[in-house]
Amino acid sequence: MQTHDAKRVEIIIEAPMESRLTGALVKAGVTGFTVLPVLGGSGRSGQWTREGQVGRAGMVAVICLIRPEKLDGLLDAAFAVVERHIGVVSVTDTQVLRAERF
């Protein structure tokens, strides 16, 4: 089976910023993404957990699989949101089936 080059971009951001981030991604031409809750972790400020938090507090992971030529536009859009908030952006090379979906 043939695979095709793609980029996997994972953005961890504060949950209240999710709609601003996903809106910016759509405006930048990103056609698909997945949003997952982040249950806890550890970072510069130490360990944390979502347990006991009320409402939309906490973090979410927004995952995008895109064609390599769309990466710069996605990163510009993501950085415009993440730069003023807690967040991490990572990019990895990946392979996908059915490249026409990306």
Protein backbone atom coordinates (compact mmCIF):
# COMPACT_ATOMS: atom_id res chain seq x y z
CA MET A 1 0.00 0.00 0.00
CA GLN A 2 1.33 3.44 -0.90
CA THR A 3 1.88 6.07 1.77
CA HIS A 4 2.32 9.82 1.34
CA ASP A 5 4.41 12.38 3.22
CA ALA A 6 2.54 14.57 5.67
CA LYS A 7 3.14 16.63 8.80
CA ARG A 8 1.54 15.95 12.17
CA VAL A 9 1.11 19.13 14.19
CA GLU A 10 0.09 18.83 17.82
CA ILE A 11 -0.89 21.94 19.75
CA ILE A 12 -1.46 21.79 23.50
CA ILE A 13 -3.32 24.88 24.68
CA GLU A 14 -5.56 26.07 27.50
CA ALA A 15 -9.09 24.74 26.94
CA PRO A 16 -10.76 28.19 26.90
CA MET A 17 -8.56 29.08 23.89
CA GLU A 18 -9.72 26.07 21.82
CA SER A 19 -12.28 27.90 19.69
CA ARG A 20 -9.91 30.79 18.99
CA LEU A 21 -7.21 28.33 17.88
CA THR A 22 -9.47 26.14 15.75
CA GLY A 23 -11.03 29.24 14.16
CA ALA A 24 -7.57 30.52 13.24
CA LEU A 25 -6.65 27.13 11.78
CA VAL A 26 -9.79 27.02 9.62
CA LYS A 27 -9.14 30.58 8.44
CA ALA A 28 -5.60 29.47 7.49
CA GLY A 29 -7.02 26.69 5.29
CA VAL A 30 -6.69 23.70 7.61
CA THR A 31 -9.49 21.35 6.58
CA GLY A 32 -9.40 18.93 9.50
CA PHE A 33 -8.22 18.50 13.05
CA THR A 34 -8.98 16.49 16.16
CA VAL A 35 -9.43 17.97 19.64
CA LEU A 36 -8.70 15.80 22.68
CA PRO A 37 -8.87 16.61 26.39
CA VAL A 38 -5.56 16.60 28.24
CA LEU A 39 -5.98 14.95 31.63
CA GLY A 40 -2.74 16.13 33.19
CA GLY A 41 0.96 16.53 32.69
CA SER A 42 4.12 18.20 33.82
CA GLY A 43 5.86 21.27 32.52
CA ARG A 44 7.88 24.30 33.49
CA SER A 45 5.49 25.03 36.36
CA GLY A 46 5.50 21.46 37.66
CA GLN A 47 2.91 18.70 37.61
CA TRP A 48 -0.79 19.40 37.16
CA THR A 49 -4.00 17.45 36.74
CA ARG A 50 -7.45 18.29 35.44
CA GLU A 51 -9.00 16.49 38.40
CA GLY A 52 -11.10 18.80 40.54
CA GLN A 53 -11.12 21.67 38.05
CA VAL A 54 -14.46 23.26 37.24
CA GLY A 55 -15.82 24.01 33.77
CA ARG A 56 -13.48 24.23 30.80
CA ALA A 57 -10.34 24.70 32.87
CA GLY A 58 -7.40 22.59 31.83
CA MET A 59 -5.76 21.90 28.51
CA VAL A 60 -6.70 20.40 25.15
CA ALA A 61 -4.63 18.85 22.38
CA VAL A 62 -5.44 19.90 18.81
CA ILE A 63 -3.95 17.46 16.30
CA CYS A 64 -3.68 18.19 12.57
CA LEU A 65 -2.40 16.03 9.72
CA ILE A 66 -1.55 18.22 6.75
CA ARG A 67 0.40 18.32 3.50
CA PRO A 68 3.94 19.65 4.03
CA GLU A 69 3.31 22.70 1.84
CA LYS A 70 0.54 23.87 4.22
CA LEU A 71 2.77 23.78 7.31
CA ASP A 72 3.92 27.42 7.33
CA GLY A 73 0.36 28.78 7.16
CA LEU A 74 -0.76 26.50 9.97
CA LEU A 75 2.19 27.44 12.19
CA ASP A 76 1.64 31.16 11.60
CA ALA A 77 -2.03 30.82 12.58
CA ALA A 78 -1.26 28.68 15.63
CA PHE A 79 1.54 30.92 16.86
CA ALA A 80 -0.68 34.01 16.66
CA VAL A 81 -2.91 32.34 19.30
CA VAL A 82 -0.35 30.41 21.35
CA GLU A 83 2.24 33.18 21.74
CA ARG A 84 0.22 34.98 24.44
CA HIS A 85 -0.99 31.88 26.29
CA ILE A 86 0.26 28.65 27.80
CA GLY A 87 0.82 26.24 24.93
CA VAL A 88 3.18 23.92 23.13
CA VAL A 89 3.38 23.28 19.38
CA SER A 90 5.18 20.24 17.98
CA VAL A 91 5.69 19.10 14.39
CA THR A 92 6.63 15.60 13.27
CA ASP A 93 7.05 13.94 9.91
CA THR A 94 4.47 11.23 9.27
CA GLN A 95 3.01 9.08 6.51
CA VAL A 96 -0.68 8.90 5.58
CA LEU A 97 -2.87 6.74 3.38
CA ARG A 98 -5.40 8.44 1.12
CA ALA A 99 -3.45 11.68 0.59
CA GLU A 100 -6.47 13.23 -1.15
CA ARG A 101 -8.07 13.70 2.29
CA PHE A 102 -5.37 16.11 3.38
